[in-house]
Protein backbone atom coordinates (compact mmCIF):
# COMPACT_ATOMS: atom_id res chain seq x y z
CA UNK A 1 -6.35 5.50 -6.60
CA UNK A 2 -8.58 2.65 -9.04
CA UNK A 3 -9.48 3.56 -12.19
CA UNK A 4 -11.42 0.86 -14.94
CA UNK A 5 -8.73 -0.66 -16.90
CA UNK A 6 -11.36 -3.83 -18.15
CA UNK A 7 -13.12 -1.52 -20.65
CA UNK A 8 -9.65 -0.87 -22.97
CA UNK A 9 -9.70 -4.06 -23.92
CA UNK A 10 -13.41 -4.03 -25.86
CA UNK A 11 -12.21 0.00 -27.37
CA UNK A 12 -10.19 -2.57 -30.13
CA UNK A 13 -13.09 -4.79 -31.34
CA UNK A 14 -14.78 -1.14 -33.20
CA UNK A 15 -11.69 -1.65 -35.31
CA UNK A 16 -13.40 -4.80 -37.17
CA UNK A 17 -16.38 -2.77 -38.05
CA UNK A 18 -14.40 0.49 -39.29
CA UNK A 19 -13.30 -0.84 -42.82
CA UNK A 20 -15.85 -3.75 -43.25
CA UNK A 21 -14.32 -6.74 -45.54
CA UNK A 22 -10.47 -7.72 -44.51
CA UNK A 23 -8.43 -10.64 -45.27
CA UNK A 24 -9.32 -13.33 -43.13
CA UNK A 25 -5.68 -13.46 -42.11
CA UNK A 26 -5.51 -9.47 -40.95
CA UNK A 27 -9.11 -10.37 -39.50
CA UNK A 28 -7.77 -13.07 -37.79
CA UNK A 29 -4.69 -10.92 -36.24
CA UNK A 30 -6.22 -8.18 -35.39
CA UNK A 31 -8.49 -10.64 -32.97
CA UNK A 32 -5.55 -12.03 -31.93
CA UNK A 33 -4.22 -8.60 -31.09
CA UNK A 34 -7.31 -7.70 -29.45
CA UNK A 35 -7.37 -11.07 -27.33
CA UNK A 36 -3.70 -9.56 -26.16
CA UNK A 37 -5.26 -6.41 -24.94
CA UNK A 38 -7.80 -8.01 -23.06
CA UNK A 39 -5.41 -10.52 -21.39
CA UNK A 40 -3.40 -7.39 -20.57
CA UNK A 41 -5.71 -5.31 -19.59
CA UNK A 42 -7.60 -8.20 -17.20
CA UNK A 43 -3.49 -8.44 -16.14
CA UNK A 44 -3.41 -5.23 -14.94
CA UNK A 45 -6.69 -4.91 -13.25
CA UNK A 46 -6.33 -8.03 -11.26
CA UNK A 47 -2.54 -6.63 -10.18
CA UNK A 48 -4.20 -3.21 -8.85
CA UNK A 49 -7.33 -5.09 -6.91
CA UNK A 50 -4.61 -7.01 -5.39
CA UNK A 51 -1.74 -4.55 -5.04
CA UNK A 52 0.92 -6.65 -5.99
CA UNK A 53 2.10 -4.58 -9.14
CA UNK A 54 4.46 -1.69 -8.56
CA UNK A 55 4.28 1.68 -10.98
CA UNK A 56 7.66 0.98 -12.61
CA UNK A 57 5.80 -2.56 -14.32
CA UNK A 58 2.27 -0.66 -14.87
CA UNK A 59 4.12 2.06 -16.71
CA UNK A 60 5.67 -0.68 -18.83
CA UNK A 61 2.73 -3.12 -20.07
CA UNK A 62 0.97 -0.02 -19.99
CA UNK A 63 3.15 1.45 -22.79
CA UNK A 64 3.56 -1.75 -24.43
CA UNK A 65 0.14 -2.20 -24.79
CA UNK A 66 -0.26 1.34 -26.27
CA UNK A 67 2.02 0.12 -28.98
CA UNK A 68 -0.23 -2.91 -30.01
CA UNK A 69 -2.70 -0.51 -30.56
CA UNK A 70 -0.30 1.40 -32.96
CA UNK A 71 0.52 -1.76 -34.67
CA UNK A 72 -3.52 -2.54 -35.11
CA UNK A 73 -3.41 0.35 -37.75
CA UNK A 74 -1.69 -1.88 -39.79
CA UNK A 75 -3.61 -5.00 -39.23
CA UNK A 76 -7.15 -3.52 -39.43
CA UNK A 77 -6.92 -0.13 -41.61
CA UNK A 78 -8.37 2.30 -39.06
CA UNK A 79 -8.60 5.75 -39.18
CA UNK A 80 -5.93 8.49 -37.88
CA UNK A 81 -8.64 9.93 -36.16
CA UNK A 82 -9.70 6.26 -34.11
CA UNK A 83 -6.19 5.44 -33.49
CA UNK A 84 -5.54 8.50 -31.54
CA UNK A 85 -8.56 8.48 -29.72
CA UNK A 86 -7.32 4.95 -28.50
CA UNK A 87 -3.44 5.65 -28.04
CA UNK A 88 -4.78 9.05 -26.05
CA UNK A 89 -6.73 6.70 -23.60
CA UNK A 90 -3.81 4.72 -23.13
CA UNK A 91 -1.87 7.68 -22.23
CA UNK A 92 -4.55 8.98 -19.98
CA UNK A 93 -4.00 5.58 -17.78
CA UNK A 94 -0.51 5.86 -18.42
CA UNK A 95 -0.70 9.51 -16.47
CA UNK A 96 -2.45 8.09 -13.51
CA UNK A 97 -0.51 5.17 -13.02
CA UNK A 98 2.67 8.00 -12.50
CA UNK A 99 0.53 9.68 -9.71
CA UNK A 100 -0.19 6.25 -8.29
CA UNK A 101 1.01 6.55 -4.38
CA UNK A 102 3.70 3.53 -3.47
CA UNK A 103 3.58 4.17 -0.36
CA UNK A 104 0.85 4.88 2.39
CA UNK A 105 0.87 8.59 2.64
CA UNK A 106 1.81 8.56 6.03
CA UNK A 107 4.39 6.44 5.18
CA UNK A 108 5.99 8.82 2.77
CA UNK A 109 5.58 11.46 5.19
CA UNK A 110 7.25 10.17 7.74
CA UNK A 111 10.39 8.91 5.28
CA UNK A 112 10.71 12.61 4.01
CA UNK A 113 11.45 13.94 7.21
CA UNK A 114 13.45 11.39 8.44
CA UNK A 115 15.51 12.08 4.97
CA UNK A 116 15.08 15.70 5.36
CA UNK A 117 16.92 15.50 9.01
CA UNK A 118 19.67 13.08 7.98
CA UNK A 119 22.19 15.37 7.07
CA UNK A 120 23.01 13.63 3.75
CA UNK A 121 23.06 10.69 4.80
CA UNK A 122 19.30 9.53 3.42
CA UNK A 123 17.41 10.46 0.45
CA UNK A 124 13.89 9.42 -0.50
CA UNK A 125 12.44 8.81 -3.79
CA UNK A 126 8.83 8.41 -3.14
CA UNK A 127 7.80 7.61 -6.77
CA UNK A 128 9.93 4.82 -6.25
CA UNK A 129 9.26 4.39 -2.57
CA UNK A 130 13.02 3.64 -3.01
CA UNK A 131 15.48 5.14 0.59
CA UNK A 132 19.06 5.31 -0.73
CA UNK A 133 21.94 5.72 2.28
CA UNK A 134 24.96 6.94 0.69
CA UNK A 135 27.47 4.20 1.85
CA UNK A 136 30.44 7.63 2.26
CA UNK A 137 28.52 8.17 5.20
CA UNK A 138 27.09 5.09 6.00
CA UNK A 139 30.02 3.27 6.36
CA UNK A 140 33.77 4.11 6.91
CA UNK A 141 35.97 3.32 3.52
CA UNK A 142 36.54 -0.61 2.81
CA UNK A 143 33.86 -1.82 5.82
CA UNK A 144 30.68 -3.09 6.44
CA UNK A 145 29.96 -1.90 9.54
CA UNK A 146 27.27 0.93 10.02
CA UNK A 147 28.37 4.29 11.63
CA UNK A 148 26.76 5.48 14.62
CA UNK A 149 24.85 7.87 12.75
CA UNK A 150 23.29 5.19 10.00
CA UNK A 151 22.50 3.66 12.67
CA UNK A 152 20.73 6.22 14.62
CA UNK A 153 19.07 7.24 11.42
CA UNK A 154 18.28 2.90 10.74
CA UNK A 155 16.00 2.81 13.98
CA UNK A 156 13.87 5.99 13.17
CA UNK A 157 13.11 4.29 9.76
CA UNK A 158 12.74 0.65 11.55
CA UNK A 159 10.05 3.05 13.69
CA UNK A 160 8.07 3.82 10.52
CA UNK A 161 8.68 0.15 9.10
CA UNK A 162 7.53 -1.32 13.01
CA UNK A 163 3.89 0.68 12.16
CA UNK A 164 0.26 -0.26 11.34
CA UNK A 165 0.93 1.82 7.95
CA UNK A 166 3.64 0.04 6.29
CA UNK A 167 2.87 -3.95 8.06
CA UNK A 168 2.03 -5.04 4.50
CA UNK A 169 5.19 -3.93 3.00
CA UNK A 170 8.66 -5.91 2.42
CA UNK A 171 12.12 -4.43 1.96
CA UNK A 172 14.70 -5.34 -0.86
CA UNK A 173 18.07 -4.07 0.32
CA UNK A 174 20.66 -3.87 -2.67
CA UNK A 175 23.93 -2.54 -1.68
CA UNK A 176 26.26 -0.80 -4.91
CA UNK A 177 29.37 0.37 -5.09
CA UNK A 178 32.33 2.21 -7.08
CA UNK A 179 34.46 0.36 -9.85
CA UNK A 180 37.69 0.61 -7.13
CA UNK A 181 39.20 -2.48 -7.04
CA UNK A 182 39.78 -3.62 -3.48
CA UNK A 183 43.63 -4.11 -2.74
CA UNK A 184 44.36 -3.84 0.79
CA UNK A 185 44.87 -6.77 2.35
CA UNK A 186 42.91 -6.60 5.92
CA UNK A 187 39.81 -5.50 3.23
CA UNK A 188 40.12 -8.99 0.84
CA UNK A 189 40.27 -10.90 3.96
CA UNK A 190 36.82 -9.66 4.53
CA UNK A 191 35.19 -8.74 1.44
CA UNK A 192 37.31 -9.93 -1.84
CA UNK A 193 35.47 -8.17 -4.39
CA UNK A 194 33.21 -5.48 -4.92
CA UNK A 195 30.14 -7.83 -4.82
CA UNK A 196 31.01 -9.20 -1.70
CA UNK A 197 31.17 -5.26 -0.04
CA UNK A 198 28.03 -4.82 -1.60
CA UNK A 199 26.15 -7.26 -0.54
CA UNK A 200 27.69 -7.24 2.92
CA UNK A 201 26.78 -3.85 3.17
CA UNK A 202 23.26 -4.70 2.04
CA UNK A 203 23.30 -7.19 5.37
CA UNK A 204 24.98 -5.14 7.76
CA UNK A 205 21.76 -2.65 6.88
CA UNK A 206 18.89 -5.59 7.01
CA UNK A 207 21.09 -7.01 10.46
CA UNK A 208 20.33 -3.57 12.06
CA UNK A 209 16.99 -3.30 11.36
CA UNK A 210 15.88 -6.79 12.55
CA UNK A 211 17.48 -5.86 15.18
CA UNK A 212 15.10 -2.70 15.45
CA UNK A 213 12.29 -5.23 15.09
CA UNK A 214 11.67 -5.50 12.06
CA UNK A 215 10.45 -8.95 10.71
CA UNK A 216 13.28 -10.70 9.55
CA UNK A 217 10.97 -12.27 7.09
CA UNK A 218 10.28 -8.89 5.25
CA UNK A 219 13.93 -8.74 3.89
CA UNK A 220 15.21 -9.32 0.30
CA UNK A 221 18.78 -8.27 0.28
CA UNK A 222 21.20 -8.12 -2.73
CA UNK A 223 24.43 -6.54 -3.85
CA UNK A 224 25.29 -5.33 -7.81
CA UNK A 225 29.28 -4.64 -6.86
CA UNK A 226 30.04 -1.87 -9.28
CA UNK A 227 27.93 -3.24 -11.96
CA UNK A 228 24.85 -0.92 -11.59
CA UNK A 229 26.72 2.69 -11.67
CA UNK A 230 24.22 5.87 -11.25
CA UNK A 231 26.86 8.05 -12.39
CA UNK A 232 30.63 7.54 -14.44
CA UNK A 233 33.27 6.48 -12.63
CA UNK A 234 36.61 8.04 -12.94
CA UNK A 235 40.00 6.46 -11.45
CA UNK A 236 38.83 7.45 -7.68
CA UNK A 237 35.60 5.90 -8.43
CA UNK A 238 32.12 8.46 -7.58
CA UNK A 239 30.92 9.15 -4.61
CA UNK A 240 27.21 8.40 -5.82
CA UNK A 241 27.76 5.04 -6.87
CA UNK A 242 28.46 4.28 -3.89
CA UNK A 243 25.54 3.28 -1.76
CA UNK A 244 22.58 1.14 -0.93
CA UNK A 245 19.27 1.35 -1.61
CA UNK A 246 16.23 0.45 0.72
CA UNK A 247 13.14 -0.49 -1.80
CA UNK A 248 9.41 -0.90 -0.05
CA UNK A 249 7.23 -2.88 -1.55
CA UNK A 250 3.97 -5.08 -1.32
CA UNK A 251 4.94 -8.13 0.42
CA UNK A 252 3.27 -11.62 -0.52
CA UNK A 253 4.20 -13.08 2.39
CA UNK A 254 1.67 -15.36 3.75
CA UNK A 255 3.74 -16.83 6.59
CA UNK A 256 4.06 -15.61 10.31
CA UNK A 257 6.47 -12.85 10.98
CA UNK A 258 10.42 -14.04 12.48
CA UNK A 259 11.20 -12.16 14.91
CA UNK A 260 14.53 -10.62 15.59
CA UNK A 261 15.45 -13.43 17.76
CA UNK A 262 14.62 -15.96 15.14
CA UNK A 263 17.60 -14.64 12.93
CA UNK A 264 21.38 -15.90 13.30
CA UNK A 265 23.05 -14.59 10.00
CA UNK A 266 25.03 -11.67 10.46
CA UNK A 267 27.65 -9.82 7.96
CA UNK A 268 30.91 -10.58 8.21
CA UNK A 269 32.86 -9.03 11.33
CA UNK A 270 33.88 -5.68 9.93
CA UNK A 271 37.86 -4.20 9.30
CA UNK A 272 39.07 -1.41 11.12
CA UNK A 273 38.69 1.78 8.93
CA UNK A 274 41.89 2.89 7.54
CA UNK A 275 42.97 7.07 6.97
CA UNK A 276 45.84 6.57 4.92
CA UNK A 277 43.73 6.96 1.37
CA UNK A 278 39.83 6.92 1.47
CA UNK A 279 39.54 6.23 -2.00
CA UNK A 280 41.52 2.86 -1.63
CA UNK A 281 39.64 0.29 -0.05
């Protein structure tokens, strides 16, 4: 979906004619504000044209531009009606940005089908282009070893990523844990902290997708440990916080694709699962 943003920057020029003569300092401020808005609009147009911007960034920048318009009321003395008209225009654009498809339609449809059939292992957020794997189903407690069920689901995801429609997408794999500290000696030997565990799990997901044929240079891997929870942790943590998320975004990569055989990085050898206490790592 495309729409014309360039007209937005020029609308602020009308402020200068609303009140006749104004002090030079206010006039200079208005012109500076106008140039800033036009630059933001030009930047947004360029980002849309190159498909390099994502929905969240566009919404934030448009919201900031709307706030700048409200500030212009003080600088130029425009009427409430004029300010409201400009604000309504920005709000309309915000709604259009919210409706933008982050991913190609067929890619979204395929990922929705995979998530629906995953039995709770995977959820898909179409608006964010984000796949979320529940660590409790994807991994054994305290381990970075993928379960067979998780490998099967990832193979389906890889098939989508290897398709023509998804060829221009890169994958950001991000691991998260709950706040329960790692205490078991055999787990600590492999994953000294929750930060290590979250990163190692993200690496395992990446390596599995690479082994399924997804280009190795399409990935970024990160681990946030317990520091970005989606819900409050209890003394035993929280299941929702134990997760691995995959964000699919337009790629900026220009070098040839690296095949699975050209990468040698692997996650640490996983520790064996323990059954004495699932809430203790």
